[in-house]
């Protein structure tokens, strides 16, 4: 059993509000809202898949789309998005709340924005910048006119937005593949595959048992840890001394 990773992204509409004037320092109360913002589309793909899927709202109504995507989430071990913890997931939850949909159990989330901020000192952590820096190609360019056309129920504009969102999801998977080696995996691949916690000595990244000890460390609390090197994917990870004893038994 391999880890089922779901890459996803959403596009959202702005609030429609009353405003007597415009400017950089205009305060608008929530009572000025004429129509609440919503999720326009959700695009997603599974790790290693060649296909990217999309779900769209129904002329401003996002309830069925949210329900359908909840079924997709149920099949995932991990959900991966760029700024997903602060933006995409909170938007998704907010719209479910407003649409009176029940809360759902979520898998572990992986946020590539947090990964970039944690491990690197880059000029920017935006997905567009990371794509251009690492692959020479970033996000598809759009402008606010596209959003206005979508809100006016222009089908061609909606299709264009879906293509834009799909491109973001594909780029997201590429970026995650570059950053993942620097991060600690959120799901232990070997234990997930076997269901046996004694396999914690195996590589948590790829699940291989073709590993070796590279060094031993002592923690600040005086606990012994062993740094392991996976000879399949060449990543490093650490295991506790009791887990290392299982490694010695199995080897």
C-alpha atoms as a PDB file:
ATOM      1  CA  UNK A   1       0.000   0.000   0.000  1.00  0.00           C
ATOM      2  CA  UNK A   2       1.522   3.319  -1.065  1.00  0.00           C
ATOM      3  CA  UNK A   3       0.772   6.742   0.392  1.00  0.00           C
ATOM      4  CA  UNK A   4      -2.139   8.393  -1.420  1.00  0.00           C
ATOM      5  CA  UNK A   5      -1.152  12.026  -1.784  1.00  0.00           C
ATOM      6  CA  UNK A   6      -3.711  14.524  -3.055  1.00  0.00           C
ATOM      7  CA  UNK A   7      -2.470  17.768  -4.618  1.00  0.00           C
ATOM      8  CA  UNK A   8      -5.124  20.457  -4.751  1.00  0.00           C
ATOM      9  CA  UNK A   9      -5.838  24.138  -5.312  1.00  0.00           C
ATOM     10  CA  UNK A  10      -8.889  26.373  -5.317  1.00  0.00           C
ATOM     11  CA  UNK A  11      -9.927  29.599  -7.023  1.00  0.00           C
ATOM     12  CA  UNK A  12     -12.323  31.911  -5.235  1.00  0.00           C
ATOM     13  CA  UNK A  13     -14.623  34.802  -6.034  1.00  0.00           C
ATOM     14  CA  UNK A  14     -14.511  38.189  -4.281  1.00  0.00           C
ATOM     15  CA  UNK A  15     -17.319  39.617  -2.179  1.00  0.00           C
ATOM     16  CA  UNK A  16     -19.712  41.895  -4.023  1.00  0.00           C
ATOM     17  CA  UNK A  17     -20.271  45.022  -1.913  1.00  0.00           C
ATOM     18  CA  UNK A  18     -21.881  48.447  -1.800  1.00  0.00           C
ATOM     19  CA  UNK A  19     -19.315  51.260  -1.863  1.00  0.00           C
ATOM     20  CA  UNK A  20     -19.967  54.981  -2.177  1.00  0.00           C
ATOM     21  CA  UNK A  21     -16.375  55.725  -3.115  1.00  0.00           C
ATOM     22  CA  UNK A  22     -13.088  54.002  -3.861  1.00  0.00           C
ATOM     23  CA  UNK A  23      -9.534  54.517  -2.628  1.00  0.00           C
ATOM     24  CA  UNK A  24      -6.680  53.027  -0.698  1.00  0.00           C
ATOM     25  CA  UNK A  25      -8.039  53.750   2.777  1.00  0.00           C
ATOM     26  CA  UNK A  26     -11.706  52.894   2.461  1.00  0.00           C
ATOM     27  CA  UNK A  27     -13.308  50.949   5.324  1.00  0.00           C
ATOM     28  CA  UNK A  28     -16.209  48.682   4.418  1.00  0.00           C
ATOM     29  CA  UNK A  29     -18.296  47.000   7.108  1.00  0.00           C
ATOM     30  CA  UNK A  30     -19.632  43.476   6.660  1.00  0.00           C
ATOM     31  CA  UNK A  31     -23.087  45.019   6.274  1.00  0.00           C
ATOM     32  CA  UNK A  32     -21.903  46.357   2.888  1.00  0.00           C
ATOM     33  CA  UNK A  33     -21.725  42.824   1.490  1.00  0.00           C
ATOM     34  CA  UNK A  34     -24.338  42.173  -1.182  1.00  0.00           C
ATOM     35  CA  UNK A  35     -23.161  38.706  -2.095  1.00  0.00           C
ATOM     36  CA  UNK A  36     -20.746  36.483  -0.169  1.00  0.00           C
ATOM     37  CA  UNK A  37     -17.569  35.235  -1.813  1.00  0.00           C
ATOM     38  CA  UNK A  38     -17.450  31.550  -2.754  1.00  0.00           C
ATOM     39  CA  UNK A  39     -15.232  28.838  -4.227  1.00  0.00           C
ATOM     40  CA  UNK A  40     -15.274  28.949  -8.019  1.00  0.00           C
ATOM     41  CA  UNK A  41     -13.369  25.755  -8.742  1.00  0.00           C
ATOM     42  CA  UNK A  42     -11.300  23.018  -7.125  1.00  0.00           C
ATOM     43  CA  UNK A  43      -8.606  21.261  -9.125  1.00  0.00           C
ATOM     44  CA  UNK A  44      -6.707  18.209  -7.930  1.00  0.00           C
ATOM     45  CA  UNK A  45      -4.491  15.300  -8.929  1.00  0.00           C
ATOM     46  CA  UNK A  46      -3.066  12.213  -7.271  1.00  0.00           C
ATOM     47  CA  UNK A  47       0.662  11.757  -6.881  1.00  0.00           C
ATOM     48  CA  UNK A  48       2.152  10.147  -9.964  1.00  0.00           C
ATOM     49  CA  UNK A  49      -1.055  10.460 -11.990  1.00  0.00           C
ATOM     50  CA  UNK A  50      -1.047  11.934 -15.486  1.00  0.00           C
ATOM     51  CA  UNK A  51      -4.549  13.383 -15.068  1.00  0.00           C
ATOM     52  CA  UNK A  52      -5.659  16.545 -13.283  1.00  0.00           C
ATOM     53  CA  UNK A  53      -9.333  16.781 -12.327  1.00  0.00           C
ATOM     54  CA  UNK A  54     -11.598  19.769 -11.785  1.00  0.00           C
ATOM     55  CA  UNK A  55     -14.846  20.625 -10.043  1.00  0.00           C
ATOM     56  CA  UNK A  56     -16.686  23.917 -10.576  1.00  0.00           C
ATOM     57  CA  UNK A  57     -19.467  25.868  -8.975  1.00  0.00           C
ATOM     58  CA  UNK A  58     -22.948  26.023 -10.482  1.00  0.00           C
ATOM     59  CA  UNK A  59     -23.403  29.675 -11.475  1.00  0.00           C
ATOM     60  CA  UNK A  60     -22.183  30.888  -8.086  1.00  0.00           C
ATOM     61  CA  UNK A  61     -23.476  27.959  -6.022  1.00  0.00           C
ATOM     62  CA  UNK A  62     -20.563  25.924  -4.653  1.00  0.00           C
ATOM     63  CA  UNK A  63     -22.464  23.493  -2.387  1.00  0.00           C
ATOM     64  CA  UNK A  64     -22.436  20.434  -4.649  1.00  0.00           C
ATOM     65  CA  UNK A  65     -18.793  20.988  -5.574  1.00  0.00           C
ATOM     66  CA  UNK A  66     -17.810  21.037  -1.896  1.00  0.00           C
ATOM     67  CA  UNK A  67     -19.774  17.847  -1.296  1.00  0.00           C
ATOM     68  CA  UNK A  68     -18.164  16.096  -4.257  1.00  0.00           C
ATOM     69  CA  UNK A  69     -14.645  17.096  -3.198  1.00  0.00           C
ATOM     70  CA  UNK A  70     -15.275  15.788   0.303  1.00  0.00           C
ATOM     71  CA  UNK A  71     -15.607  12.325  -1.243  1.00  0.00           C
ATOM     72  CA  UNK A  72     -12.229  12.797  -2.922  1.00  0.00           C
ATOM     73  CA  UNK A  73     -10.630  13.833   0.375  1.00  0.00           C
ATOM     74  CA  UNK A  74     -11.861  10.624   2.020  1.00  0.00           C
ATOM     75  CA  UNK A  75      -9.498   8.599  -0.200  1.00  0.00           C
ATOM     76  CA  UNK A  76      -6.392  10.635   0.663  1.00  0.00           C
ATOM     77  CA  UNK A  77      -3.662   9.953   3.238  1.00  0.00           C
ATOM     78  CA  UNK A  78      -2.186  13.427   2.774  1.00  0.00           C
ATOM     79  CA  UNK A  79      -3.488  16.670   1.251  1.00  0.00           C
ATOM     80  CA  UNK A  80      -0.827  18.896  -0.294  1.00  0.00           C
ATOM     81  CA  UNK A  81      -1.329  22.556  -1.199  1.00  0.00           C
ATOM     82  CA  UNK A  82       0.677  25.780  -1.330  1.00  0.00           C
ATOM     83  CA  UNK A  83      -0.451  27.942   1.587  1.00  0.00           C
ATOM     84  CA  UNK A  84      -3.152  25.318   1.990  1.00  0.00           C
ATOM     85  CA  UNK A  85      -3.286  25.369   5.792  1.00  0.00           C
ATOM     86  CA  UNK A  86      -3.959  29.108   5.961  1.00  0.00           C
ATOM     87  CA  UNK A  87      -5.943  29.606   2.767  1.00  0.00           C
ATOM     88  CA  UNK A  88      -7.405  26.660   0.830  1.00  0.00           C
ATOM     89  CA  UNK A  89      -8.453  24.492   3.778  1.00  0.00           C
ATOM     90  CA  UNK A  90      -9.904  27.407   5.768  1.00  0.00           C
ATOM     91  CA  UNK A  91     -11.844  28.601   2.722  1.00  0.00           C
ATOM     92  CA  UNK A  92     -13.126  25.079   2.168  1.00  0.00           C
ATOM     93  CA  UNK A  93     -14.235  24.822   5.799  1.00  0.00           C
ATOM     94  CA  UNK A  94     -15.841  28.288   5.734  1.00  0.00           C
ATOM     95  CA  UNK A  95     -17.897  27.484   2.666  1.00  0.00           C
ATOM     96  CA  UNK A  96     -18.958  24.134   4.138  1.00  0.00           C
ATOM     97  CA  UNK A  97     -20.089  25.963   7.271  1.00  0.00           C
ATOM     98  CA  UNK A  98     -22.062  28.533   5.279  1.00  0.00           C
ATOM     99  CA  UNK A  99     -23.615  25.791   3.148  1.00  0.00           C
ATOM    100  CA  UNK A 100     -24.625  23.911   6.334  1.00  0.00           C
ATOM    101  CA  UNK A 101     -22.527  20.872   5.481  1.00  0.00           C
ATOM    102  CA  UNK A 102     -21.276  18.624   8.251  1.00  0.00           C
ATOM    103  CA  UNK A 103     -17.571  18.663   9.236  1.00  0.00           C
ATOM    104  CA  UNK A 104     -15.505  15.866   7.709  1.00  0.00           C
ATOM    105  CA  UNK A 105     -12.392  14.061   8.977  1.00  0.00           C
ATOM    106  CA  UNK A 106      -9.325  15.403   7.237  1.00  0.00           C
ATOM    107  CA  UNK A 107      -6.111  13.558   6.387  1.00  0.00           C
ATOM    108  CA  UNK A 108      -2.746  15.034   7.256  1.00  0.00           C
ATOM    109  CA  UNK A 109      -1.982  18.275   5.431  1.00  0.00           C
ATOM    110  CA  UNK A 110       1.316  19.226   3.818  1.00  0.00           C
ATOM    111  CA  UNK A 111       1.904  22.916   3.047  1.00  0.00           C
ATOM    112  CA  UNK A 112       4.672  23.616   0.521  1.00  0.00           C
ATOM    113  CA  UNK A 113       4.722  27.288   1.535  1.00  0.00           C
ATOM    114  CA  UNK A 114       5.617  26.261   5.087  1.00  0.00           C
ATOM    115  CA  UNK A 115       8.246  23.875   3.735  1.00  0.00           C
ATOM    116  CA  UNK A 116       9.863  26.647   1.688  1.00  0.00           C
ATOM    117  CA  UNK A 117       9.849  29.069   4.627  1.00  0.00           C
ATOM    118  CA  UNK A 118      11.225  26.490   7.052  1.00  0.00           C
ATOM    119  CA  UNK A 119      14.126  25.075   5.082  1.00  0.00           C
ATOM    120  CA  UNK A 120      15.309  27.817   2.721  1.00  0.00           C
ATOM    121  CA  UNK A 121      16.220  31.508   2.569  1.00  0.00           C
ATOM    122  CA  UNK A 122      14.772  32.291  -0.848  1.00  0.00           C
ATOM    123  CA  UNK A 123      13.896  35.662  -2.344  1.00  0.00           C
ATOM    124  CA  UNK A 124      10.257  34.622  -2.402  1.00  0.00           C
ATOM    125  CA  UNK A 125       8.223  31.608  -1.331  1.00  0.00           C
ATOM    126  CA  UNK A 126       5.387  32.167  -3.801  1.00  0.00           C
ATOM    127  CA  UNK A 127       4.510  29.219  -6.021  1.00  0.00           C
ATOM    128  CA  UNK A 128       5.079  31.271  -9.181  1.00  0.00           C
ATOM    129  CA  UNK A 129       8.592  32.222  -8.073  1.00  0.00           C
ATOM    130  CA  UNK A 130       9.463  28.669  -7.027  1.00  0.00           C
ATOM    131  CA  UNK A 131       8.307  27.358 -10.390  1.00  0.00           C
ATOM    132  CA  UNK A 132      10.374  29.877 -12.324  1.00  0.00           C
ATOM    133  CA  UNK A 133      13.415  29.386 -10.090  1.00  0.00           C
ATOM    134  CA  UNK A 134      13.382  25.583 -10.115  1.00  0.00           C
ATOM    135  CA  UNK A 135      11.881  24.779 -13.524  1.00  0.00           C
ATOM    136  CA  UNK A 136      12.000  27.985 -15.570  1.00  0.00           C
ATOM    137  CA  UNK A 137       8.207  28.143 -15.741  1.00  0.00           C
ATOM    138  CA  UNK A 138       5.698  29.553 -13.263  1.00  0.00           C
ATOM    139  CA  UNK A 139       1.959  30.125 -13.068  1.00  0.00           C
ATOM    140  CA  UNK A 140      -0.234  31.066 -16.025  1.00  0.00           C
ATOM    141  CA  UNK A 141      -0.745  34.825 -16.139  1.00  0.00           C
ATOM    142  CA  UNK A 142      -4.249  36.129 -15.441  1.00  0.00           C
ATOM    143  CA  UNK A 143      -5.859  39.434 -14.498  1.00  0.00           C
ATOM    144  CA  UNK A 144      -8.904  40.562 -12.563  1.00  0.00           C
ATOM    145  CA  UNK A 145     -10.977  40.746 -15.759  1.00  0.00           C
ATOM    146  CA  UNK A 146     -11.020  36.941 -15.769  1.00  0.00           C
ATOM    147  CA  UNK A 147     -12.627  36.895 -12.324  1.00  0.00           C
ATOM    148  CA  UNK A 148     -15.210  39.491 -13.374  1.00  0.00           C
ATOM    149  CA  UNK A 149     -16.120  37.419 -16.424  1.00  0.00           C
ATOM    150  CA  UNK A 150     -16.477  34.260 -14.346  1.00  0.00           C
ATOM    151  CA  UNK A 151     -18.787  36.052 -11.920  1.00  0.00           C
ATOM    152  CA  UNK A 152     -20.856  37.148 -14.946  1.00  0.00           C
ATOM    153  CA  UNK A 153     -21.275  33.417 -15.784  1.00  0.00           C
ATOM    154  CA  UNK A 154     -19.054  33.513 -18.862  1.00  0.00           C
ATOM    155  CA  UNK A 155     -18.452  29.801 -19.607  1.00  0.00           C
ATOM    156  CA  UNK A 156     -15.285  30.454 -21.622  1.00  0.00           C
ATOM    157  CA  UNK A 157     -13.839  32.439 -18.742  1.00  0.00           C
ATOM    158  CA  UNK A 158     -14.684  29.638 -16.316  1.00  0.00           C
ATOM    159  CA  UNK A 159     -12.923  27.110 -18.540  1.00  0.00           C
ATOM    160  CA  UNK A 160      -9.890  29.383 -18.704  1.00  0.00           C
ATOM    161  CA  UNK A 161      -9.838  29.660 -14.915  1.00  0.00           C
ATOM    162  CA  UNK A 162      -9.985  25.879 -14.603  1.00  0.00           C
ATOM    163  CA  UNK A 163      -6.973  25.585 -16.932  1.00  0.00           C
ATOM    164  CA  UNK A 164      -5.155  28.173 -14.813  1.00  0.00           C
ATOM    165  CA  UNK A 165      -5.978  26.263 -11.623  1.00  0.00           C
ATOM    166  CA  UNK A 166      -4.948  22.922 -13.133  1.00  0.00           C
ATOM    167  CA  UNK A 167      -1.597  24.381 -14.106  1.00  0.00           C
ATOM    168  CA  UNK A 168      -1.100  25.462 -10.475  1.00  0.00           C
ATOM    169  CA  UNK A 169      -1.765  21.910  -9.258  1.00  0.00           C
ATOM    170  CA  UNK A 170       0.722  20.406 -11.727  1.00  0.00           C
ATOM    171  CA  UNK A 171       3.309  23.007 -10.715  1.00  0.00           C
ATOM    172  CA  UNK A 172       2.562  22.288  -7.059  1.00  0.00           C
ATOM    173  CA  UNK A 173       3.444  18.605  -7.455  1.00  0.00           C
ATOM    174  CA  UNK A 174       6.710  19.487  -9.209  1.00  0.00           C
ATOM    175  CA  UNK A 175       7.669  21.932  -6.444  1.00  0.00           C
ATOM    176  CA  UNK A 176       6.770  19.436  -3.717  1.00  0.00           C
ATOM    177  CA  UNK A 177       8.983  16.821  -5.357  1.00  0.00           C
ATOM    178  CA  UNK A 178      11.899  19.263  -5.139  1.00  0.00           C
ATOM    179  CA  UNK A 179      11.281  20.285  -1.511  1.00  0.00           C
ATOM    180  CA  UNK A 180      10.282  16.933  -0.014  1.00  0.00           C
ATOM    181  CA  UNK A 181      13.817  15.624   0.526  1.00  0.00           C
ATOM    182  CA  UNK A 182      14.479  18.427   3.024  1.00  0.00           C
ATOM    183  CA  UNK A 183      11.398  17.723   5.127  1.00  0.00           C
ATOM    184  CA  UNK A 184      10.372  15.011   7.578  1.00  0.00           C
ATOM    185  CA  UNK A 185       7.640  12.800   6.048  1.00  0.00           C
ATOM    186  CA  UNK A 186       4.220  13.056   7.672  1.00  0.00           C
ATOM    187  CA  UNK A 187       3.331   9.442   6.899  1.00  0.00           C
ATOM    188  CA  UNK A 188       5.662   6.501   7.481  1.00  0.00           C
ATOM    189  CA  UNK A 189       5.631   4.691   4.136  1.00  0.00           C
ATOM    190  CA  UNK A 190       6.858   1.328   5.481  1.00  0.00           C
ATOM    191  CA  UNK A 191       4.390   1.148   8.376  1.00  0.00           C
ATOM    192  CA  UNK A 192       1.505   2.214   6.132  1.00  0.00           C
ATOM    193  CA  UNK A 193       2.391  -0.498   3.617  1.00  0.00           C
ATOM    194  CA  UNK A 194       2.827  -3.325   6.145  1.00  0.00           C
ATOM    195  CA  UNK A 195       0.682  -2.220   9.083  1.00  0.00           C
ATOM    196  CA  UNK A 196       3.516  -3.340  11.383  1.00  0.00           C
ATOM    197  CA  UNK A 197       4.967  -0.723  13.754  1.00  0.00           C
ATOM    198  CA  UNK A 198       8.104  -2.847  14.094  1.00  0.00           C
ATOM    199  CA  UNK A 199       8.938  -1.696  10.573  1.00  0.00           C
ATOM    200  CA  UNK A 200       9.648   1.819  11.825  1.00  0.00           C
ATOM    201  CA  UNK A 201      13.341   1.150  11.206  1.00  0.00           C
ATOM    202  CA  UNK A 202      12.628   1.034   7.470  1.00  0.00           C
ATOM    203  CA  UNK A 203      12.728   4.164   5.341  1.00  0.00           C
ATOM    204  CA  UNK A 204       9.767   6.402   6.199  1.00  0.00           C
ATOM    205  CA  UNK A 205      10.124   8.163   2.827  1.00  0.00           C
ATOM    206  CA  UNK A 206       9.939   5.259   0.364  1.00  0.00           C
ATOM    207  CA  UNK A 207       9.317   2.225   2.615  1.00  0.00           C
ATOM    208  CA  UNK A 208      12.491   0.359   1.606  1.00  0.00           C
ATOM    209  CA  UNK A 209      14.244  -2.049   3.970  1.00  0.00           C
ATOM    210  CA  UNK A 210      17.522  -1.521   2.094  1.00  0.00           C
ATOM    211  CA  UNK A 211      18.969   0.805   4.721  1.00  0.00           C
ATOM    212  CA  UNK A 212      22.071   1.164   6.857  1.00  0.00           C
ATOM    213  CA  UNK A 213      23.151   3.079   9.956  1.00  0.00           C
ATOM    214  CA  UNK A 214      25.307   6.115   9.224  1.00  0.00           C
ATOM    215  CA  UNK A 215      25.935   7.375  12.764  1.00  0.00           C
ATOM    216  CA  UNK A 216      24.708   7.426  16.360  1.00  0.00           C
ATOM    217  CA  UNK A 217      23.699  10.593  18.208  1.00  0.00           C
ATOM    218  CA  UNK A 218      22.915  11.361  21.847  1.00  0.00           C
ATOM    219  CA  UNK A 219      20.069  13.789  22.495  1.00  0.00           C
ATOM    220  CA  UNK A 220      20.032  16.565  25.112  1.00  0.00           C
ATOM    221  CA  UNK A 221      18.015  14.215  27.358  1.00  0.00           C
ATOM    222  CA  UNK A 222      20.685  11.539  27.054  1.00  0.00           C
ATOM    223  CA  UNK A 223      18.654   9.337  24.712  1.00  0.00           C
ATOM    224  CA  UNK A 224      20.417   7.387  21.969  1.00  0.00           C
ATOM    225  CA  UNK A 225      19.258   7.923  18.384  1.00  0.00           C
ATOM    226  CA  UNK A 226      20.543   6.367  15.190  1.00  0.00           C
ATOM    227  CA  UNK A 227      20.768   8.177  11.885  1.00  0.00           C
ATOM    228  CA  UNK A 228      19.854   5.861   9.040  1.00  0.00           C
ATOM    229  CA  UNK A 229      20.541   6.141   5.336  1.00  0.00           C
ATOM    230  CA  UNK A 230      18.172   4.632   2.786  1.00  0.00           C
ATOM    231  CA  UNK A 231      20.140   3.024  -0.037  1.00  0.00           C
ATOM    232  CA  UNK A 232      17.096   3.139  -2.338  1.00  0.00           C
ATOM    233  CA  UNK A 233      16.118   6.827  -2.240  1.00  0.00           C
ATOM    234  CA  UNK A 234      19.334   8.081  -0.547  1.00  0.00           C
ATOM    235  CA  UNK A 235      17.425   9.999   2.129  1.00  0.00           C
ATOM    236  CA  UNK A 236      18.357  10.178   5.810  1.00  0.00           C
ATOM    237  CA  UNK A 237      16.154   9.724   8.873  1.00  0.00           C
ATOM    238  CA  UNK A 238      16.530   9.030  12.595  1.00  0.00           C
ATOM    239  CA  UNK A 239      15.166   6.230  14.752  1.00  0.00           C
ATOM    240  CA  UNK A 240      15.099   5.641  18.499  1.00  0.00           C
ATOM    241  CA  UNK A 241      17.318   3.039  20.141  1.00  0.00           C
ATOM    242  CA  UNK A 242      14.467   0.547  20.700  1.00  0.00           C
ATOM    243  CA  UNK A 243      13.521   0.792  17.024  1.00  0.00           C
ATOM    244  CA  UNK A 244      17.152   0.215  16.096  1.00  0.00           C
ATOM    245  CA  UNK A 245      16.979  -3.030  18.112  1.00  0.00           C
ATOM    246  CA  UNK A 246      14.178  -4.181  15.760  1.00  0.00           C
ATOM    247  CA  UNK A 247      16.445  -3.332  12.838  1.00  0.00           C
ATOM    248  CA  UNK A 248      19.204  -5.545  14.276  1.00  0.00           C
ATOM    249  CA  UNK A 249      16.748  -8.400  14.868  1.00  0.00           C
ATOM    250  CA  UNK A 250      15.345  -8.253  11.344  1.00  0.00           C
ATOM    251  CA  UNK A 251      18.766  -7.955   9.758  1.00  0.00           C
END
